[in-house]
Structure formats: structure tokens, C-alpha cells
Amino acid sequence: MSVSRMLPSETWNYAPRYHSGGTVGLNADEVPAVLLRGERTDEQLLQEYREAHIFVLPSVPDEFGGHHTETQGVVIQEAQASGVIALASDTVGIPECVDDGRSAFLIPPRNPQALAEKIEWLLDHPSSWEALQRSGRAWVESRYAMDNIGRRLWETDSEVVTKHLRA
């Protein structure tokens, strides 16, 4: 598992600060279970998406009842556009970014058991990957491609102007 684009934080005790790389834990073969990759260039990030099968964004509410800054989860869109199956916390605006169960999977925040179960399910069902990957890419293209965003803005603006002119 790789962890990239970790952001510095003064208030979140769970976010590493500019970690320059390293490992956390070893699996049965004494291979690092988690690689902390540190900051990545766009090219490196694209390569990591190409090599990945599953993307996990475990955002959590903070100790003050607020939420992590993943209000839209653009990284989820990046992963899905790259054909990576996304798992993300069901919190803040993240549910707006996916079609749960079709283009990605939402996991309850702070529930490592549910996250582990979904990862295990995916690993046990590789025949489902292609459909999930295609659906994720189609979801992103239909909602976030610039021409689709432009068309929806034009339609909304036209509707507002038309209503205003009729009033």
C-alpha cells in the first residue's frame, strides 16, 4: 500500500507532516505493508495511479466535530479517471463525488473493520474490477469533464436569465 500527497497539519494529529518516505509494518514476507511516499510530482502521481488497483481516502471528522478538508475529494476523481477503484469515507462532500457501489465504495468514517472488509471483498472478487473501473471513469467524465461542466453552467445561467427576463 502506498500513501502519497500527505498534507502538513497543525491541528490533525493523524496526518504526517511532509514525510520524506519510509515504511510502516511488515507483512508475512517481511515486505513493507505501507510505504509513505512523501510528496509526489504530477508525473509520479499518474504513474502510481497506473500501478494501483485500489485507492483509499479515509477522511475522518476531527476532534472538534468538524471534518477533514476533503469537502469534494478531487483525489477520488483523479483515481477514478485513472481507472482505479476508489474507497472513501462517507463524510462531508465525499458522497457527492461517487455513485456508491457502482463507481466507488463509501465506508463509514473511523471504521477500519468496514474498510478492511471492503478491501478483502475487492481482493476476493477481481472479476468485478473492470466494471467498477469503467463505471468510475464514466462517472467522472459525465460529471467533471470540462465540456459537461460548461454545458451545465450554461443551462443553469440561461434558466436564471430567462426567469429574470420574464419577471
Foldseek 3Di string as FASTA:
>chain_A
DEDEDFDDDPQDPVTDHQDCWDADDAPPVRDGPYIYHGYDDPVRVLVVLLVAAEAEAQWAAGPVRHTDPPQDPVVLLVSLLSLHAYEYAPDHNPVVLDDDPQQHHYDHHPDVVRVVVVVVVCVVCVVCSVRNSVRNSVSSCCPPDPVNVVVVVVVVVVVVVVVVVVD
